[in-house]
Amino acid sequence: MAVLFYFVIRAIFNADRAEREAMARAEETRNAEDARNQESGREKNGEDDIDPT
């Protein structure tokens, strides 16, 4: 029983680690897309990051 318990717990932890890694990659991709969309929006609107003062 202890061996079975070990393998079940190990599988759960491995699945959790894989899910966390996938979520981190998805968040990085989403952040990169958001940054590109904001940059393209600025170019379309003619907005610059130049301080007018």
Protein backbone atom coordinates (compact mmCIF):
# COMPACT_ATOMS: atom_id res chain seq x y z
CA MET A 1 0.00 0.00 0.00
CA ALA A 2 2.82 2.39 0.82
CA VAL A 3 4.37 1.92 -2.63
CA LEU A 4 1.06 2.61 -4.33
CA PHE A 5 0.55 5.69 -2.16
CA TYR A 6 4.04 6.91 -3.09
CA PHE A 7 3.37 6.62 -6.84
CA VAL A 8 -0.03 8.30 -6.58
CA ILE A 9 1.36 11.24 -4.62
CA ARG A 10 4.32 11.53 -7.00
CA ALA A 11 1.96 11.60 -9.99
CA ILE A 12 -0.12 14.33 -8.36
CA PHE A 13 2.94 16.47 -7.67
CA ASN A 14 4.28 15.96 -11.20
CA ALA A 15 0.93 16.94 -12.69
CA ASP A 16 0.79 20.04 -10.48
CA ARG A 17 4.31 21.08 -11.49
CA ALA A 18 3.52 20.61 -15.18
CA GLU A 19 0.33 22.65 -14.83
CA ARG A 20 2.16 25.48 -13.07
CA GLU A 21 4.80 25.55 -15.82
CA ALA A 22 2.12 25.61 -18.52
CA MET A 23 0.28 28.44 -16.77
CA ALA A 24 3.50 30.44 -16.46
CA ARG A 25 4.22 29.99 -20.19
CA ALA A 26 0.65 31.00 -21.07
CA GLU A 27 0.90 34.11 -18.88
CA GLU A 28 4.22 35.10 -20.48
CA THR A 29 2.70 34.68 -23.94
CA ARG A 30 -0.36 36.72 -22.98
CA ASN A 31 1.81 39.50 -21.52
CA ALA A 32 3.94 39.61 -24.67
CA GLU A 33 0.82 39.81 -26.86
CA ASP A 34 -0.63 42.58 -24.68
CA ALA A 35 2.62 44.54 -24.96
CA ARG A 36 2.64 44.15 -28.75
CA ASN A 37 -1.02 45.20 -28.95
CA GLN A 38 -0.38 48.28 -26.82
CA GLU A 39 2.62 49.23 -28.95
CA SER A 40 0.70 48.81 -32.19
CA GLY A 41 -2.16 50.85 -30.71
CA ARG A 42 0.21 53.70 -29.94
CA GLU A 43 1.57 53.65 -33.47
CA LYS A 44 -1.93 53.75 -34.94
CA ASN A 45 -2.97 56.63 -32.68
CA GLY A 46 0.22 58.55 -33.27
CA GLU A 47 1.06 58.53 -29.57
CA ASP A 48 4.69 58.60 -28.50
CA ASP A 49 6.43 58.09 -25.20
CA ILE A 50 8.11 61.49 -25.54
CA ASP A 51 7.66 63.85 -22.61
CA PRO A 52 6.22 67.14 -23.99
CA THR A 53 7.80 69.28 -21.26
